[in-house]
C-alpha atoms as a PDB file:
ATOM      1  CA  UNK A   1       5.880   8.001  48.522  1.00  0.00           C
ATOM      2  CA  UNK A   2       2.838   8.554  46.583  1.00  0.00           C
ATOM      3  CA  UNK A   3       1.490   5.660  44.438  1.00  0.00           C
ATOM      4  CA  UNK A   4       1.238   6.412  40.879  1.00  0.00           C
ATOM      5  CA  UNK A   5      -2.233   7.905  39.669  1.00  0.00           C
ATOM      6  CA  UNK A   6      -4.183   5.921  37.678  1.00  0.00           C
ATOM      7  CA  UNK A   7      -6.941   8.871  36.770  1.00  0.00           C
ATOM      8  CA  UNK A   8      -6.366   9.487  33.221  1.00  0.00           C
ATOM      9  CA  UNK A   9      -8.169  12.496  32.166  1.00  0.00           C
ATOM     10  CA  UNK A  10      -9.592  13.171  28.651  1.00  0.00           C
ATOM     11  CA  UNK A  11     -10.821  16.182  26.554  1.00  0.00           C
ATOM     12  CA  UNK A  12     -13.577  15.794  24.598  1.00  0.00           C
ATOM     13  CA  UNK A  13     -14.055  18.924  21.832  1.00  0.00           C
ATOM     14  CA  UNK A  14     -16.500  16.823  19.391  1.00  0.00           C
ATOM     15  CA  UNK A  15     -19.648  14.974  19.950  1.00  0.00           C
ATOM     16  CA  UNK A  16     -20.303  11.301  18.070  1.00  0.00           C
ATOM     17  CA  UNK A  17     -22.415  13.331  15.391  1.00  0.00           C
ATOM     18  CA  UNK A  18     -20.327  16.015  14.654  1.00  0.00           C
ATOM     19  CA  UNK A  19     -17.051  14.029  14.031  1.00  0.00           C
ATOM     20  CA  UNK A  20     -19.455  11.940  11.600  1.00  0.00           C
ATOM     21  CA  UNK A  21     -20.569  15.262  10.145  1.00  0.00           C
ATOM     22  CA  UNK A  22     -16.550  16.198   9.684  1.00  0.00           C
ATOM     23  CA  UNK A  23     -15.796  12.883   8.653  1.00  0.00           C
ATOM     24  CA  UNK A  24     -18.986  13.041   6.093  1.00  0.00           C
ATOM     25  CA  UNK A  25     -17.567  16.519   4.713  1.00  0.00           C
ATOM     26  CA  UNK A  26     -14.234  15.925   4.709  1.00  0.00           C
ATOM     27  CA  UNK A  27     -14.506  12.780   2.480  1.00  0.00           C
ATOM     28  CA  UNK A  28     -16.793  15.028   0.352  1.00  0.00           C
ATOM     29  CA  UNK A  29     -13.558  17.167  -0.241  1.00  0.00           C
ATOM     30  CA  UNK A  30     -11.630  14.717  -1.356  1.00  0.00           C
ATOM     31  CA  UNK A  31     -13.354  13.057  -3.473  1.00  0.00           C
ATOM     32  CA  UNK A  32     -14.712  16.419  -5.095  1.00  0.00           C
ATOM     33  CA  UNK A  33     -12.301  18.765  -5.093  1.00  0.00           C
ATOM     34  CA  UNK A  34      -9.067  16.774  -4.522  1.00  0.00           C
ATOM     35  CA  UNK A  35      -6.005  18.309  -2.861  1.00  0.00           C
ATOM     36  CA  UNK A  36      -2.808  19.176  -4.502  1.00  0.00           C
ATOM     37  CA  UNK A  37      -0.023  16.769  -4.496  1.00  0.00           C
ATOM     38  CA  UNK A  38       3.159  18.213  -5.342  1.00  0.00           C
ATOM     39  CA  UNK A  39       5.592  15.045  -5.480  1.00  0.00           C
ATOM     40  CA  UNK A  40       5.134  13.285  -8.879  1.00  0.00           C
ATOM     41  CA  UNK A  41       6.090   9.764  -7.415  1.00  0.00           C
ATOM     42  CA  UNK A  42       3.303  10.653  -4.526  1.00  0.00           C
ATOM     43  CA  UNK A  43       0.854  11.280  -7.019  1.00  0.00           C
ATOM     44  CA  UNK A  44       1.660   8.017  -9.091  1.00  0.00           C
ATOM     45  CA  UNK A  45       1.159   5.590  -6.002  1.00  0.00           C
ATOM     46  CA  UNK A  46      -2.294   7.505  -5.258  1.00  0.00           C
ATOM     47  CA  UNK A  47      -3.115   6.821  -9.109  1.00  0.00           C
ATOM     48  CA  UNK A  48      -1.820   3.216  -8.758  1.00  0.00           C
ATOM     49  CA  UNK A  49      -3.801   2.773  -5.858  1.00  0.00           C
ATOM     50  CA  UNK A  50      -7.021   3.906  -7.031  1.00  0.00           C
ATOM     51  CA  UNK A  51      -6.934   7.701  -7.095  1.00  0.00           C
ATOM     52  CA  UNK A  52      -7.669   9.946 -10.070  1.00  0.00           C
ATOM     53  CA  UNK A  53      -5.287  12.115 -10.996  1.00  0.00           C
ATOM     54  CA  UNK A  54      -5.229  15.547 -13.083  1.00  0.00           C
ATOM     55  CA  UNK A  55      -2.128  17.308 -13.507  1.00  0.00           C
ATOM     56  CA  UNK A  56      -1.245  18.230  -9.550  1.00  0.00           C
ATOM     57  CA  UNK A  57      -4.352  17.392  -8.325  1.00  0.00           C
ATOM     58  CA  UNK A  58      -5.456  14.005  -6.273  1.00  0.00           C
ATOM     59  CA  UNK A  59      -8.872  12.900  -6.263  1.00  0.00           C
ATOM     60  CA  UNK A  60      -9.661  10.322  -3.737  1.00  0.00           C
ATOM     61  CA  UNK A  61     -12.838   8.176  -3.697  1.00  0.00           C
ATOM     62  CA  UNK A  62     -14.716   7.234  -0.321  1.00  0.00           C
ATOM     63  CA  UNK A  63     -13.631   3.944  -0.845  1.00  0.00           C
ATOM     64  CA  UNK A  64     -10.065   4.403  -0.731  1.00  0.00           C
ATOM     65  CA  UNK A  65     -10.411   6.757   2.470  1.00  0.00           C
ATOM     66  CA  UNK A  66     -12.364   3.961   4.283  1.00  0.00           C
ATOM     67  CA  UNK A  67      -9.763   1.158   3.354  1.00  0.00           C
ATOM     68  CA  UNK A  68      -6.915   3.540   4.294  1.00  0.00           C
ATOM     69  CA  UNK A  69      -8.613   4.111   7.806  1.00  0.00           C
ATOM     70  CA  UNK A  70      -9.648   0.536   8.521  1.00  0.00           C
ATOM     71  CA  UNK A  71      -5.745  -0.021   7.980  1.00  0.00           C
ATOM     72  CA  UNK A  72      -4.426   2.526  10.414  1.00  0.00           C
ATOM     73  CA  UNK A  73      -3.628   1.822  13.435  1.00  0.00           C
ATOM     74  CA  UNK A  74      -6.220   2.526  16.376  1.00  0.00           C
ATOM     75  CA  UNK A  75      -3.050   4.136  18.471  1.00  0.00           C
ATOM     76  CA  UNK A  76       0.109   5.992  17.334  1.00  0.00           C
ATOM     77  CA  UNK A  77       2.701   7.097  20.111  1.00  0.00           C
ATOM     78  CA  UNK A  78       4.515   9.913  19.392  1.00  0.00           C
ATOM     79  CA  UNK A  79       7.145   9.814  22.176  1.00  0.00           C
ATOM     80  CA  UNK A  80       7.551   8.056  25.210  1.00  0.00           C
ATOM     81  CA  UNK A  81       6.984  10.031  28.538  1.00  0.00           C
ATOM     82  CA  UNK A  82       9.187   8.620  31.667  1.00  0.00           C
END
């Protein structure tokens, strides 16, 4: 019987600077252009938490985005492989 492998390969597509630039661009789009949110209750939740809502478009301020990122778990398990 072979011992279990401890090697975990990783795939890195973007550099750290590319990740930072993508984050800056995404934050700018969410703040300036916003996103369409069809569900009225979702728009209310965004508005009550500091987003600007105009009709069905939600504009997310950078501070709100950064707070959400800080509160998000660092790891999410989508399924348990056995």
